Amino acid sequence: MANQQGETNIMSVSKTRFRIRATRQGDPFDFSILFHVA
């Protein structure tokens, strides 16, 4: 359970980073990654 919680937190941070990256670059490829991860 503890490991799943940790992985969930890491995924949440990763999605946030992808979201910021996609917003800054405005590259459709970044948006594709965001949707793929989400």
N, C-alpha and C. Protein backbone atom coordinates (compact mmCIF):
# COMPACT_ATOMS: atom_id res chain seq x y z
N MET A 1 0.83 -1.20 0.00
CA MET A 1 0.00 0.00 0.00
C MET A 1 0.87 1.26 0.00
N ALA A 2 1.89 1.25 0.84
CA ALA A 2 2.77 2.41 0.95
C ALA A 2 3.44 2.69 -0.39
N ASN A 3 3.85 1.62 -1.09
CA ASN A 3 4.50 1.79 -2.38
C ASN A 3 3.54 2.38 -3.41
N GLN A 4 2.29 1.91 -3.40
CA GLN A 4 1.30 2.43 -4.34
C GLN A 4 1.07 3.92 -4.10
N GLN A 5 1.02 4.31 -2.83
CA GLN A 5 0.82 5.72 -2.49
C GLN A 5 1.97 6.55 -3.03
N GLY A 6 3.19 6.04 -2.86
CA GLY A 6 4.37 6.75 -3.35
C GLY A 6 4.34 6.88 -4.87
N GLU A 7 3.98 5.80 -5.55
CA GLU A 7 3.91 5.84 -7.01
C GLU A 7 2.84 6.82 -7.47
N THR A 8 1.74 6.86 -6.76
CA THR A 8 0.66 7.77 -7.11
C THR A 8 1.15 9.22 -7.01
N ASN A 9 1.89 9.51 -5.95
CA ASN A 9 2.40 10.87 -5.76
C ASN A 9 3.37 11.23 -6.88
N ILE A 10 4.23 10.28 -7.25
CA ILE A 10 5.21 10.53 -8.32
C ILE A 10 4.48 10.79 -9.64
N MET A 11 3.46 9.99 -9.93
CA MET A 11 2.70 10.16 -11.17
C MET A 11 2.02 11.52 -11.18
N SER A 12 1.52 11.94 -10.02
CA SER A 12 0.83 13.23 -9.93
C SER A 12 1.80 14.36 -10.25
N VAL A 13 3.01 14.25 -9.72
CA VAL A 13 4.03 15.28 -9.98
C VAL A 13 4.41 15.26 -11.45
N SER A 14 4.54 14.06 -12.02
CA SER A 14 4.93 13.93 -13.43
C SER A 14 3.88 14.58 -14.33
N LYS A 15 2.61 14.34 -14.03
CA LYS A 15 1.54 14.93 -14.85
C LYS A 15 1.57 16.45 -14.75
N THR A 16 1.89 16.95 -13.55
CA THR A 16 1.97 18.41 -13.37
C THR A 16 3.10 18.97 -14.21
N ARG A 17 4.23 18.30 -14.23
CA ARG A 17 5.38 18.77 -15.01
C ARG A 17 5.06 18.75 -16.49
N PHE A 18 4.43 17.66 -16.96
CA PHE A 18 4.06 17.56 -18.37
C PHE A 18 3.09 18.67 -18.75
N ARG A 19 2.18 18.98 -17.82
CA ARG A 19 1.16 20.00 -18.09
C ARG A 19 1.84 21.36 -18.26
N ILE A 20 2.78 21.67 -17.36
CA ILE A 20 3.50 22.95 -17.44
C ILE A 20 4.33 23.00 -18.71
N ARG A 21 5.00 21.89 -19.02
CA ARG A 21 5.86 21.82 -20.19
C ARG A 21 5.03 22.03 -21.47
N ALA A 22 3.88 21.39 -21.52
CA ALA A 22 3.00 21.50 -22.69
C ALA A 22 2.51 22.94 -22.84
N THR A 23 2.20 23.57 -21.72
CA THR A 23 1.70 24.95 -21.77
C THR A 23 2.77 25.90 -22.25
N ARG A 24 3.99 25.69 -21.81
CA ARG A 24 5.08 26.59 -22.19
C ARG A 24 5.49 26.41 -23.65
N GLN A 25 5.67 25.16 -24.07
CA GLN A 25 6.14 24.90 -25.42
C GLN A 25 5.02 25.00 -26.45
N GLY A 26 3.80 24.61 -26.04
CA GLY A 26 2.69 24.64 -26.97
C GLY A 26 2.86 23.62 -28.07
N ASP A 27 3.57 22.53 -27.76
CA ASP A 27 3.83 21.50 -28.75
C ASP A 27 2.79 20.38 -28.63
N PRO A 28 2.06 20.07 -29.71
CA PRO A 28 1.03 19.03 -29.70
C PRO A 28 1.55 17.71 -29.18
N PHE A 29 2.86 17.45 -29.40
CA PHE A 29 3.46 16.19 -28.96
C PHE A 29 3.44 16.11 -27.43
N ASP A 30 3.69 17.24 -26.77
CA ASP A 30 3.66 17.28 -25.31
C ASP A 30 2.25 17.02 -24.79
N PHE A 31 1.26 17.55 -25.49
CA PHE A 31 -0.13 17.32 -25.09
C PHE A 31 -0.47 15.84 -25.25
N SER A 32 0.06 15.21 -26.29
CA SER A 32 -0.17 13.79 -26.50
C SER A 32 0.41 12.99 -25.34
N ILE A 33 1.59 13.38 -24.87
CA ILE A 33 2.22 12.70 -23.74
C ILE A 33 1.35 12.87 -22.50
N LEU A 34 0.83 14.08 -22.30
CA LEU A 34 0.00 14.37 -21.13
C LEU A 34 -1.22 13.46 -21.12
N PHE A 35 -1.90 13.35 -22.26
CA PHE A 35 -3.10 12.52 -22.34
C PHE A 35 -2.73 11.04 -22.19
N HIS A 36 -1.56 10.67 -22.71
CA HIS A 36 -1.13 9.28 -22.64
C HIS A 36 -0.85 8.89 -21.19
N VAL A 37 -0.21 9.79 -20.46
CA VAL A 37 0.11 9.52 -19.05
C VAL A 37 -1.16 9.53 -18.22
N ALA A 38 -2.03 10.50 -18.51
CA ALA A 38 -3.28 10.61 -17.75
C ALA A 38 -4.19 9.45 -18.12
